[in-house]
């Protein structure tokens, strides 16, 4: 299989996508080399990472087997050993949607979905800054969660704005996920059924708003973000990026 729902942003400085479904060490190494990826920002919880881990290189060699550095979040169990090549930085920057502001089960409308995203930013602004730091430091960075839709969508939205993108470009990128969701959800359901057989099939129903990517959700998020934080660069400084890092995002360096 592969990293799905994959596309470049900000002139290729950022790639967004899903988790690495079914990639063995050789295939993963080839994928990273093909796309010139220098850093991976993994937004998944510890449980999610354990179900679909990153594997690259020969685990028996010292050069290919390291433990990824973590940016630990509240309620997260910390690092998981991962096999990566020495020239690719693997950053676990988890946000567990079940452990932060808002409830996934309470999402019934597109506006609810956008409000959920705002809750993540309000509760964990440093999570956004940490996700964009390798980009600011000049690394071609893959940002991903499980589906590459919600957590990835929030980071991608702020990253696009910070690198000069417009709100319409943010919305276009977010809604581009819609065409990819049926295939991603099918593979996600298979993955969870293998690992957690008790998972009901309704958990992955495309009828659930939490599994959709409507324009109104991102419009609601952007309007709320602008109202509460104003300038995206000021937000990122307050969230923990340095002035130099924020300027690098803005200027493309």
Protein backbone atom coordinates (compact mmCIF):
# COMPACT_ATOMS: atom_id res chain seq x y z
CA UNK A 1 0.00 0.00 0.00
CA UNK A 2 1.18 3.56 0.54
CA UNK A 3 0.78 6.95 2.16
CA UNK A 4 -2.63 8.01 0.84
CA UNK A 5 -4.36 11.37 0.42
CA UNK A 6 -0.90 12.72 -0.37
CA UNK A 7 -0.20 16.12 -1.88
CA UNK A 8 2.41 18.90 -1.67
CA UNK A 9 1.77 22.35 -0.21
CA UNK A 10 3.71 25.60 0.00
CA UNK A 11 5.76 24.96 -3.10
CA UNK A 12 6.59 21.44 -1.96
CA UNK A 13 8.00 22.45 1.41
CA UNK A 14 5.16 20.57 3.12
CA UNK A 15 3.59 17.28 2.12
CA UNK A 16 0.38 16.18 3.78
CA UNK A 17 -0.96 12.65 3.83
CA UNK A 18 -2.24 9.65 5.72
CA UNK A 19 -0.33 7.19 7.85
CA UNK A 20 1.93 4.68 6.02
CA UNK A 21 -0.54 1.88 5.31
CA UNK A 22 1.14 -1.46 4.68
CA UNK A 23 4.61 -0.15 3.88
CA UNK A 24 7.49 -2.42 4.83
CA UNK A 25 10.96 -1.05 5.53
CA UNK A 26 12.15 -1.13 1.92
CA UNK A 27 8.98 0.44 0.51
CA UNK A 28 9.01 3.15 3.15
CA UNK A 29 12.63 3.99 2.48
CA UNK A 30 11.85 4.22 -1.22
CA UNK A 31 8.84 6.45 -0.59
CA UNK A 32 10.83 8.90 1.52
CA UNK A 33 13.63 9.04 -1.03
CA UNK A 34 11.24 9.47 -3.95
CA UNK A 35 9.62 12.51 -2.34
CA UNK A 36 12.79 13.96 -0.87
CA UNK A 37 11.35 13.89 2.64
CA UNK A 38 13.75 15.15 5.31
CA UNK A 39 11.37 15.16 8.30
CA UNK A 40 8.19 13.35 9.28
CA UNK A 41 5.80 14.94 11.75
CA UNK A 42 3.51 12.19 13.06
CA UNK A 43 0.40 13.66 14.70
CA UNK A 44 -1.08 10.34 15.85
CA UNK A 45 -1.60 9.08 19.38
CA UNK A 46 0.56 6.31 20.80
CA UNK A 47 -2.16 3.72 20.11
CA UNK A 48 -2.48 4.81 16.48
CA UNK A 49 1.29 4.67 16.00
CA UNK A 50 1.44 1.18 17.44
CA UNK A 51 -1.11 -0.08 14.88
CA UNK A 52 0.70 1.37 11.85
CA UNK A 53 4.32 2.19 12.76
CA UNK A 54 6.95 3.82 10.58
CA UNK A 55 9.60 1.32 9.45
CA UNK A 56 12.64 2.25 7.38
CA UNK A 57 15.95 0.51 6.86
CA UNK A 58 17.48 -2.61 8.41
CA UNK A 59 16.57 -2.80 12.10
CA UNK A 60 19.71 -4.83 12.67
CA UNK A 61 22.08 -2.03 11.71
CA UNK A 62 23.09 0.76 14.05
CA UNK A 63 22.74 3.40 11.32
CA UNK A 64 19.13 2.54 10.59
CA UNK A 65 17.66 1.94 14.03
CA UNK A 66 16.95 4.90 16.30
CA UNK A 67 14.25 5.90 18.72
CA UNK A 68 12.31 8.85 17.42
CA UNK A 69 12.37 12.08 19.46
CA UNK A 70 9.01 12.98 20.90
CA UNK A 71 7.12 16.16 21.52
CA UNK A 72 4.94 14.57 24.17
CA UNK A 73 1.40 15.74 24.65
CA UNK A 74 -0.88 15.51 27.68
CA UNK A 75 -2.09 12.00 28.26
CA UNK A 76 0.27 10.49 25.68
CA UNK A 77 2.55 7.65 26.63
CA UNK A 78 5.70 9.01 25.03
CA UNK A 79 7.98 7.58 22.35
CA UNK A 80 7.75 4.42 20.31
CA UNK A 81 10.83 2.83 18.79
CA UNK A 82 10.94 3.40 15.05
CA UNK A 83 13.40 2.42 12.38
CA UNK A 84 14.41 5.44 10.30
CA UNK A 85 17.38 6.45 8.17
CA UNK A 86 19.75 8.87 9.90
CA UNK A 87 18.98 11.70 7.47
CA UNK A 88 15.20 11.69 8.12
CA UNK A 89 13.96 13.21 11.37
CA UNK A 90 10.91 11.43 12.81
CA UNK A 91 9.01 13.67 15.22
CA UNK A 92 6.10 12.25 17.20
CA UNK A 93 3.90 15.25 17.96
CA UNK A 94 0.72 13.59 19.16
CA UNK A 95 -2.75 14.96 19.55
CA UNK A 96 -5.30 12.41 20.73
CA UNK A 97 -8.72 13.72 19.60
CA UNK A 98 -10.35 11.81 22.45
CA UNK A 99 -8.21 13.54 25.08
CA UNK A 100 -8.45 17.22 24.13
CA UNK A 101 -11.18 19.83 23.74
CA UNK A 102 -14.39 18.67 22.16
CA UNK A 103 -15.94 15.27 21.54
CA UNK A 104 -15.78 13.41 18.25
CA UNK A 105 -19.19 11.92 19.00
CA UNK A 106 -20.69 15.40 19.32
CA UNK A 107 -19.80 16.38 15.74
CA UNK A 108 -23.05 16.44 13.77
CA UNK A 109 -22.65 19.44 11.46
CA UNK A 110 -19.88 21.00 9.42
CA UNK A 111 -19.79 23.88 11.90
CA UNK A 112 -19.32 21.38 14.75
CA UNK A 113 -16.34 19.96 12.88
CA UNK A 114 -14.81 23.40 12.41
CA UNK A 115 -15.38 24.17 16.09
CA UNK A 116 -13.63 20.92 17.02
CA UNK A 117 -10.59 22.10 15.09
CA UNK A 118 -10.67 25.44 16.90
CA UNK A 119 -10.76 23.58 20.20
CA UNK A 120 -7.55 21.78 19.31
CA UNK A 121 -5.79 25.05 18.48
CA UNK A 122 -7.06 26.74 21.64
CA UNK A 123 -5.97 23.85 23.84
CA UNK A 124 -2.67 23.03 22.15
CA UNK A 125 -1.25 26.01 20.22
CA UNK A 126 2.26 24.66 20.82
CA UNK A 127 1.23 21.47 18.99
CA UNK A 128 0.77 23.51 15.80
CA UNK A 129 4.08 25.32 16.25
CA UNK A 130 5.95 22.06 16.89
CA UNK A 131 4.45 20.55 13.72
CA UNK A 132 5.68 23.43 11.56
CA UNK A 133 9.12 23.88 13.16
CA UNK A 134 10.99 21.50 10.81
CA UNK A 135 9.48 23.33 7.83
CA UNK A 136 10.70 26.62 9.26
CA UNK A 137 14.14 25.09 9.59
CA UNK A 138 14.26 24.29 5.89
CA UNK A 139 13.32 20.61 5.90
CA UNK A 140 10.94 19.16 3.33
CA UNK A 141 8.40 17.80 5.80
CA UNK A 142 5.66 15.18 5.64
CA UNK A 143 2.86 16.01 8.10
CA UNK A 144 0.35 13.25 8.71
CA UNK A 145 -2.18 11.74 11.09
CA UNK A 146 -4.26 8.64 10.37
CA UNK A 147 -6.51 9.70 7.50
CA UNK A 148 -4.61 12.88 6.72
CA UNK A 149 -7.81 14.88 7.12
CA UNK A 150 -8.45 16.55 10.49
CA UNK A 151 -5.28 17.00 12.55
CA UNK A 152 -3.31 17.17 9.32
CA UNK A 153 -5.90 19.57 7.92
CA UNK A 154 -5.48 21.98 10.82
CA UNK A 155 -1.69 22.01 10.58
CA UNK A 156 -1.83 22.27 6.78
CA UNK A 157 -4.26 25.20 6.98
CA UNK A 158 -2.07 27.20 9.34
CA UNK A 159 1.06 26.19 7.46
CA UNK A 160 -0.43 27.37 4.16
CA UNK A 161 -1.46 30.70 5.65
CA UNK A 162 1.96 31.15 7.25
CA UNK A 163 3.72 30.53 3.91
CA UNK A 164 1.59 33.03 2.01
CA UNK A 165 -1.41 30.94 0.98
CA UNK A 166 -4.91 32.39 0.81
CA UNK A 167 -7.99 31.19 2.64
CA UNK A 168 -9.44 29.94 -0.65
CA UNK A 169 -6.30 27.86 -1.22
CA UNK A 170 -6.64 26.42 2.27
CA UNK A 171 -10.26 25.47 1.61
CA UNK A 172 -9.41 23.96 -1.77
CA UNK A 173 -6.70 21.82 -0.19
CA UNK A 174 -8.95 20.68 2.66
CA UNK A 175 -11.86 19.73 0.42
CA UNK A 176 -9.54 17.85 -1.96
CA UNK A 177 -9.56 15.11 0.68
CA UNK A 178 -13.22 14.35 -0.11
CA UNK A 179 -12.41 12.44 -3.31
CA UNK A 180 -9.80 10.32 -1.49
CA UNK A 181 -11.83 9.44 1.59
CA UNK A 182 -13.70 6.33 0.35
CA UNK A 183 -10.46 4.49 -0.41
CA UNK A 184 -8.70 5.69 2.74
CA UNK A 185 -11.64 4.75 4.96
CA UNK A 186 -11.82 1.27 3.44
CA UNK A 187 -8.16 0.62 4.17
CA UNK A 188 -8.46 2.19 7.62
CA UNK A 189 -11.37 -0.11 8.48
CA UNK A 190 -9.38 -3.16 7.38
CA UNK A 191 -6.42 -2.05 9.49
CA UNK A 192 -8.50 -1.58 12.62
CA UNK A 193 -10.45 -4.83 12.16
CA UNK A 194 -7.18 -6.77 12.03
CA UNK A 195 -5.85 -5.15 15.19
CA UNK A 196 -9.10 -4.51 17.08
CA UNK A 197 -11.65 -7.07 15.78
CA UNK A 198 -14.39 -5.68 18.01
CA UNK A 199 -14.40 -2.36 16.11
CA UNK A 200 -17.92 -1.93 14.62
CA UNK A 201 -18.13 -1.25 10.89
CA UNK A 202 -20.27 1.86 11.61
CA UNK A 203 -17.16 3.45 13.12
CA UNK A 204 -15.91 4.11 9.58
CA UNK A 205 -19.17 5.08 7.91
CA UNK A 206 -18.70 7.92 5.38
CA UNK A 207 -22.08 9.24 6.53
CA UNK A 208 -20.51 10.42 9.79
CA UNK A 209 -19.69 14.13 9.69
CA UNK A 210 -16.45 13.46 11.57
CA UNK A 211 -15.32 11.46 8.52
CA UNK A 212 -16.14 14.14 5.95
CA UNK A 213 -14.24 17.22 4.78
CA UNK A 214 -16.87 19.82 3.82
CA UNK A 215 -15.96 23.35 2.84
CA UNK A 216 -18.16 24.80 5.58
CA UNK A 217 -16.06 23.11 8.27
CA UNK A 218 -12.84 24.75 7.13
CA UNK A 219 -14.57 28.09 6.54
CA UNK A 220 -15.85 27.98 10.13
CA UNK A 221 -12.38 27.15 11.43
CA UNK A 222 -10.72 29.93 9.45
CA UNK A 223 -13.27 32.53 10.50
CA UNK A 224 -12.87 31.55 14.15
CA UNK A 225 -9.09 31.46 13.92
CA UNK A 226 -8.95 34.93 12.37
CA UNK A 227 -11.37 36.33 14.93
CA UNK A 228 -9.47 34.90 17.90
CA UNK A 229 -5.85 35.18 16.78
CA UNK A 230 -5.73 37.65 13.91
CA UNK A 231 -2.35 37.37 12.22
CA UNK A 232 -1.13 33.81 11.74
CA UNK A 233 2.51 34.77 12.22
CA UNK A 234 1.82 36.38 15.58
CA UNK A 235 -0.10 33.25 16.60
CA UNK A 236 2.87 31.04 15.74
CA UNK A 237 5.28 33.23 17.72
CA UNK A 238 2.99 33.11 20.73
CA UNK A 239 2.69 29.34 20.24
CA UNK A 240 6.45 28.85 20.50
CA UNK A 241 8.21 29.49 17.19
CA UNK A 242 11.03 32.03 17.21
CA UNK A 243 10.88 35.19 15.16
CA UNK A 244 13.53 33.72 12.88
CA UNK A 245 11.48 30.54 12.34
CA UNK A 246 8.31 32.50 11.63
CA UNK A 247 10.16 34.72 9.18
CA UNK A 248 11.56 31.63 7.46
CA UNK A 249 8.04 30.29 6.97
CA UNK A 250 6.91 33.61 5.60
CA UNK A 251 9.87 34.00 3.23
CA UNK A 252 10.18 30.43 2.04
CA UNK A 253 13.59 29.74 3.57
